[in-house]
C-alpha atoms as a PDB file:
ATOM      1  CA  MET A   1     -50.588  85.399  21.590  1.00  0.00           C
ATOM      2  CA  HIS A   2     -51.315  86.495  25.142  1.00  0.00           C
ATOM      3  CA  ARG A   3     -52.683  83.085  26.165  1.00  0.00           C
ATOM      4  CA  PHE A   4     -49.685  81.292  24.646  1.00  0.00           C
ATOM      5  CA  ASN A   5     -47.217  83.674  26.277  1.00  0.00           C
ATOM      6  CA  GLU A   6     -48.911  83.420  29.675  1.00  0.00           C
ATOM      7  CA  ALA A   7     -49.517  79.659  29.719  1.00  0.00           C
ATOM      8  CA  ASP A   8     -47.448  77.658  32.188  1.00  0.00           C
ATOM      9  CA  ALA A   9     -44.378  76.055  30.644  1.00  0.00           C
ATOM     10  CA  GLY A  10     -45.834  72.548  30.641  1.00  0.00           C
ATOM     11  CA  ALA A  11     -49.010  73.605  28.831  1.00  0.00           C
ATOM     12  CA  ALA A  12     -47.054  75.660  26.291  1.00  0.00           C
ATOM     13  CA  GLU A  13     -44.677  72.782  25.609  1.00  0.00           C
ATOM     14  CA  GLU A  14     -47.583  70.342  25.202  1.00  0.00           C
ATOM     15  CA  ALA A  15     -49.280  72.688  22.724  1.00  0.00           C
ATOM     16  CA  LEU A  16     -46.045  73.079  20.775  1.00  0.00           C
ATOM     17  CA  LEU A  17     -45.493  69.312  20.647  1.00  0.00           C
ATOM     18  CA  ALA A  18     -48.787  69.076  18.762  1.00  0.00           C
ATOM     19  CA  CYS A  19     -47.147  71.256  16.091  1.00  0.00           C
ATOM     20  CA  CYS A  20     -43.793  69.452  15.963  1.00  0.00           C
ATOM     21  CA  GLY A  21     -42.888  66.324  17.894  1.00  0.00           C
ATOM     22  CA  SER A  22     -39.358  67.421  18.809  1.00  0.00           C
ATOM     23  CA  HIS A  23     -39.063  68.075  22.548  1.00  0.00           C
ATOM     24  CA  ARG A  24     -35.954  70.199  21.981  1.00  0.00           C
ATOM     25  CA  TRP A  25     -37.883  72.399  19.508  1.00  0.00           C
ATOM     26  CA  ALA A  26     -40.826  72.781  21.902  1.00  0.00           C
ATOM     27  CA  LEU A  27     -38.596  73.507  24.905  1.00  0.00           C
ATOM     28  CA  ARG A  28     -36.649  76.133  22.982  1.00  0.00           C
ATOM     29  CA  LEU A  29     -39.798  77.982  21.898  1.00  0.00           C
ATOM     30  CA  THR A  30     -41.289  77.731  25.377  1.00  0.00           C
ATOM     31  CA  ALA A  31     -38.120  79.082  27.002  1.00  0.00           C
ATOM     32  CA  HIS A  32     -37.983  82.154  24.745  1.00  0.00           C
ATOM     33  CA  ARG A  33     -41.472  83.429  25.556  1.00  0.00           C
ATOM     34  CA  PRO A  34     -42.965  86.001  25.551  1.00  0.00           C
ATOM     35  CA  TYR A  35     -43.217  86.707  21.842  1.00  0.00           C
ATOM     36  CA  PRO A  36     -44.449  90.166  20.835  1.00  0.00           C
ATOM     37  CA  ASP A  37     -46.473  88.875  17.872  1.00  0.00           C
ATOM     38  CA  ILE A  38     -47.176  85.848  15.707  1.00  0.00           C
ATOM     39  CA  GLU A  39     -44.492  86.823  13.205  1.00  0.00           C
ATOM     40  CA  SER A  40     -41.826  86.704  15.921  1.00  0.00           C
ATOM     41  CA  LEU A  41     -43.068  83.330  17.133  1.00  0.00           C
ATOM     42  CA  LEU A  42     -43.061  81.913  13.595  1.00  0.00           C
ATOM     43  CA  ALA A  43     -39.554  83.267  12.966  1.00  0.00           C
ATOM     44  CA  ALA A  44     -38.313  81.661  16.200  1.00  0.00           C
ATOM     45  CA  ALA A  45     -40.038  78.392  15.292  1.00  0.00           C
ATOM     46  CA  SER A  46     -38.483  78.407  11.855  1.00  0.00           C
ATOM     47  CA  GLU A  47     -35.024  79.081  13.293  1.00  0.00           C
ATOM     48  CA  ALA A  48     -35.482  76.313  15.873  1.00  0.00           C
ATOM     49  CA  SER A  49     -36.489  73.956  13.055  1.00  0.00           C
ATOM     50  CA  TYR A  50     -33.271  74.666  11.174  1.00  0.00           C
ATOM     51  CA  ASP A  51     -31.350  73.788  14.328  1.00  0.00           C
ATOM     52  CA  LEU A  52     -32.875  70.317  14.724  1.00  0.00           C
ATOM     53  CA  ARG A  53     -30.227  67.661  15.167  1.00  0.00           C
ATOM     54  CA  PRO A  54     -30.692  64.303  13.424  1.00  0.00           C
ATOM     55  CA  ALA A  55     -32.053  62.789  16.664  1.00  0.00           C
ATOM     56  CA  ASP A  56     -34.540  65.679  17.025  1.00  0.00           C
ATOM     57  CA  LEU A  57     -35.707  65.198  13.452  1.00  0.00           C
ATOM     58  CA  ALA A  58     -36.073  61.449  14.015  1.00  0.00           C
ATOM     59  CA  GLU A  59     -38.146  62.160  17.123  1.00  0.00           C
ATOM     60  CA  ALA A  60     -40.407  64.571  15.238  1.00  0.00           C
ATOM     61  CA  LEU A  61     -40.829  62.189  12.306  1.00  0.00           C
ATOM     62  CA  ALA A  62     -41.629  59.309  14.670  1.00  0.00           C
ATOM     63  CA  ASP A  63     -44.285  61.507  16.255  1.00  0.00           C
ATOM     64  CA  GLU A  64     -45.801  62.111  12.804  1.00  0.00           C
ATOM     65  CA  SER A  65     -46.256  58.362  12.402  1.00  0.00           C
ATOM     66  CA  TRP A  66     -48.476  58.342  15.514  1.00  0.00           C
ATOM     67  CA  MET A  67     -50.768  61.083  14.234  1.00  0.00           C
ATOM     68  CA  PRO A  68     -54.355  59.811  14.089  1.00  0.00           C
ATOM     69  CA  GLN A  69     -54.727  60.318  10.338  1.00  0.00           C
ATOM     70  CA  PRO A  70     -54.765  58.043   7.336  1.00  0.00           C
ATOM     71  CA  LEU A  71     -51.800  57.903   5.014  1.00  0.00           C
ATOM     72  CA  LEU A  72     -51.141  61.281   3.503  1.00  0.00           C
ATOM     73  CA  GLY A  73     -53.375  61.793   0.494  1.00  0.00           C
ATOM     74  CA  MET A  74     -55.684  58.860   1.178  1.00  0.00           C
ATOM     75  CA  ARG A  75     -58.719  61.084   1.800  1.00  0.00           C
ATOM     76  CA  ALA A  76     -58.277  62.877  -1.497  1.00  0.00           C
ATOM     77  CA  PRO A  77     -60.605  62.016  -4.347  1.00  0.00           C
ATOM     78  CA  GLY A  78     -59.192  59.561  -6.860  1.00  0.00           C
ATOM     79  CA  SER A  79     -59.533  56.132  -8.397  1.00  0.00           C
ATOM     80  CA  GLN A  80     -59.028  52.882  -6.520  1.00  0.00           C
ATOM     81  CA  ALA A  81     -55.896  52.277  -8.595  1.00  0.00           C
ATOM     82  CA  ALA A  82     -54.456  55.653  -7.579  1.00  0.00           C
ATOM     83  CA  HIS A  83     -55.115  54.927  -3.897  1.00  0.00           C
ATOM     84  CA  THR A  84     -53.498  51.504  -4.241  1.00  0.00           C
ATOM     85  CA  ALA A  85     -50.461  53.122  -5.887  1.00  0.00           C
ATOM     86  CA  LEU A  86     -50.313  55.659  -3.074  1.00  0.00           C
ATOM     87  CA  ARG A  87     -50.352  52.950  -0.376  1.00  0.00           C
ATOM     88  CA  ALA A  88     -47.557  51.140  -2.196  1.00  0.00           C
ATOM     89  CA  ALA A  89     -45.538  54.368  -2.534  1.00  0.00           C
ATOM     90  CA  HIS A  90     -45.922  55.130   1.197  1.00  0.00           C
ATOM     91  CA  ALA A  91     -44.738  51.598   2.033  1.00  0.00           C
ATOM     92  CA  ALA A  92     -41.747  51.883  -0.321  1.00  0.00           C
ATOM     93  CA  TYR A  93     -40.821  55.258   1.156  1.00  0.00           C
ATOM     94  CA  GLU A  94     -40.993  54.005   4.746  1.00  0.00           C
ATOM     95  CA  ALA A  95     -38.971  50.914   3.848  1.00  0.00           C
ATOM     96  CA  ARG A  96     -36.288  53.040   2.153  1.00  0.00           C
ATOM     97  CA  PHE A  97     -35.990  55.859   4.685  1.00  0.00           C
ATOM     98  CA  GLY A  98     -37.322  54.351   7.928  1.00  0.00           C
ATOM     99  CA  HIS A  99     -39.905  57.029   8.644  1.00  0.00           C
ATOM    100  CA  VAL A 100     -43.228  58.304   7.385  1.00  0.00           C
ATOM    101  CA  PHE A 101     -43.416  60.519   4.350  1.00  0.00           C
ATOM    102  CA  VAL A 102     -44.098  64.190   5.150  1.00  0.00           C
ATOM    103  CA  VAL A 103     -44.990  66.946   2.737  1.00  0.00           C
ATOM    104  CA  CYS A 104     -46.669  70.286   3.361  1.00  0.00           C
ATOM    105  CA  LEU A 105     -49.874  70.518   1.364  1.00  0.00           C
ATOM    106  CA  ASP A 106     -50.777  74.133   2.126  1.00  0.00           C
ATOM    107  CA  GLY A 107     -52.508  75.648  -0.851  1.00  0.00           C
ATOM    108  CA  VAL A 108     -52.998  72.353  -2.691  1.00  0.00           C
ATOM    109  CA  ASP A 109     -56.557  71.832  -3.888  1.00  0.00           C
ATOM    110  CA  PRO A 110     -58.183  68.667  -2.502  1.00  0.00           C
ATOM    111  CA  GLU A 111     -58.656  67.390  -6.058  1.00  0.00           C
ATOM    112  CA  GLU A 112     -54.894  67.629  -6.620  1.00  0.00           C
ATOM    113  CA  MET A 113     -53.719  66.195  -3.286  1.00  0.00           C
ATOM    114  CA  LEU A 114     -53.507  62.555  -4.286  1.00  0.00           C
ATOM    115  CA  ASP A 115     -51.508  63.332  -7.420  1.00  0.00           C
ATOM    116  CA  THR A 116     -49.301  65.810  -5.549  1.00  0.00           C
ATOM    117  CA  VAL A 117     -48.503  63.344  -2.777  1.00  0.00           C
ATOM    118  CA  LEU A 118     -47.926  60.432  -5.150  1.00  0.00           C
ATOM    119  CA  SER A 119     -45.695  62.512  -7.398  1.00  0.00           C
ATOM    120  CA  SER A 120     -43.735  63.838  -4.409  1.00  0.00           C
ATOM    121  CA  ILE A 121     -43.161  60.394  -2.950  1.00  0.00           C
ATOM    122  CA  ARG A 122     -42.036  58.979  -6.292  1.00  0.00           C
ATOM    123  CA  THR A 123     -39.643  61.874  -6.854  1.00  0.00           C
ATOM    124  CA  ARG A 124     -38.225  61.727  -3.349  1.00  0.00           C
ATOM    125  CA  LEU A 125     -37.695  57.962  -3.437  1.00  0.00           C
ATOM    126  CA  ALA A 126     -34.762  58.704  -5.756  1.00  0.00           C
ATOM    127  CA  ASN A 127     -33.032  60.823  -3.099  1.00  0.00           C
ATOM    128  CA  ASP A 128     -30.145  59.575  -1.019  1.00  0.00           C
ATOM    129  CA  ARG A 129     -30.639  59.497   2.761  1.00  0.00           C
ATOM    130  CA  ASP A 130     -28.887  62.809   3.452  1.00  0.00           C
ATOM    131  CA  GLU A 131     -30.774  64.692   0.768  1.00  0.00           C
ATOM    132  CA  GLU A 132     -34.077  63.219   1.919  1.00  0.00           C
ATOM    133  CA  ARG A 133     -33.328  64.099   5.547  1.00  0.00           C
ATOM    134  CA  LEU A 134     -32.912  67.749   4.519  1.00  0.00           C
ATOM    135  CA  ILE A 135     -36.110  67.743   2.457  1.00  0.00           C
ATOM    136  CA  SER A 136     -38.087  65.999   5.211  1.00  0.00           C
ATOM    137  CA  ALA A 137     -36.803  68.503   7.760  1.00  0.00           C
ATOM    138  CA  ASP A 138     -37.910  71.416   5.579  1.00  0.00           C
ATOM    139  CA  GLU A 139     -41.338  69.890   4.939  1.00  0.00           C
ATOM    140  CA  LEU A 140     -41.731  69.229   8.663  1.00  0.00           C
ATOM    141  CA  ARG A 141     -40.733  72.843   9.378  1.00  0.00           C
ATOM    142  CA  ARG A 142     -43.398  74.119   6.967  1.00  0.00           C
ATOM    143  CA  ILE A 143     -46.023  71.816   8.508  1.00  0.00           C
ATOM    144  CA  ALA A 144     -45.071  72.900  12.038  1.00  0.00           C
ATOM    145  CA  LEU A 145     -45.331  76.590  11.123  1.00  0.00           C
ATOM    146  CA  THR A 146     -48.794  76.047   9.670  1.00  0.00           C
ATOM    147  CA  ARG A 147     -49.894  74.158  12.775  1.00  0.00           C
ATOM    148  CA  LEU A 148     -48.389  76.797  15.040  1.00  0.00           C
ATOM    149  CA  GLU A 149     -50.136  79.601  13.201  1.00  0.00           C
ATOM    150  CA  HIS A 150     -53.427  77.713  13.534  1.00  0.00           C
ATOM    151  CA  LEU A 151     -52.772  77.006  17.230  1.00  0.00           C
ATOM    152  CA  VAL A 152     -52.175  80.651  18.082  1.00  0.00           C
ATOM    153  CA  ALA A 153     -55.122  81.826  15.963  1.00  0.00           C
ATOM    154  CA  THR A 154     -57.415  79.280  17.640  1.00  0.00           C
ATOM    155  CA  HIS A 155     -56.283  80.319  21.113  1.00  0.00           C
ATOM    156  CA  SER A 156     -56.627  83.999  20.230  1.00  0.00           C
ATOM    157  CA  GLU A 157     -60.184  83.456  19.008  1.00  0.00           C
ATOM    158  CA  ALA A 158     -61.054  81.434  22.124  1.00  0.00           C
ATOM    159  CA  GLY A 159     -59.620  84.142  24.367  1.00  0.00           C
ATOM    160  CA  ALA A 160     -61.592  86.861  22.600  1.00  0.00           C
ATOM    161  CA  ARG A 161     -64.929  85.242  23.448  1.00  0.00           C
END
C-alpha cells in the first residue's frame, strides 16, 4: 500500500488504468490517496465503479477490447465445436451490444471456464441494452477489484524485497 500511496499521481493513475480503463475512475482513486489499507482502497474503487457514467463505462469497455488476450474462455480446455460456438457467441454479443463481453471468472475452475463463459454470453444476449449495461458494469467492477488487489499485493511484495 505504501508504494501505491507514495507513487506520483501519473504513475498511480497509469497503474489504476491497467485495472479499469476509465480515466475518471483512475483519477478519482488517485486523488483520494493515501488509503490506510487494501480494504479501504477496494471500497473506494467499488464506490467509484458504481459512479461510472455511461461514457466512462464505454471507455472502460473499449479498453478491455484492446487487452492483449484471446477471446474470453478461448484458452480453456474444450472441444473444437465448443470453441467455435464460443467465437460465434462473442461475435453475436459484440454485434448486439457494441462492446466486448466481460465476465469475472474468479473462482471458476479452468475446466469449467469455457462452459461458464458460453453460458453467460448466451444468457446475456437476451438482455436489453440497459440491463446489459448494468450487468457489464458490475462484471467490470468485479474484474477491476481483482486486478487492483493483485496490483497492490504485487507492489507490496516487490517493496518488501
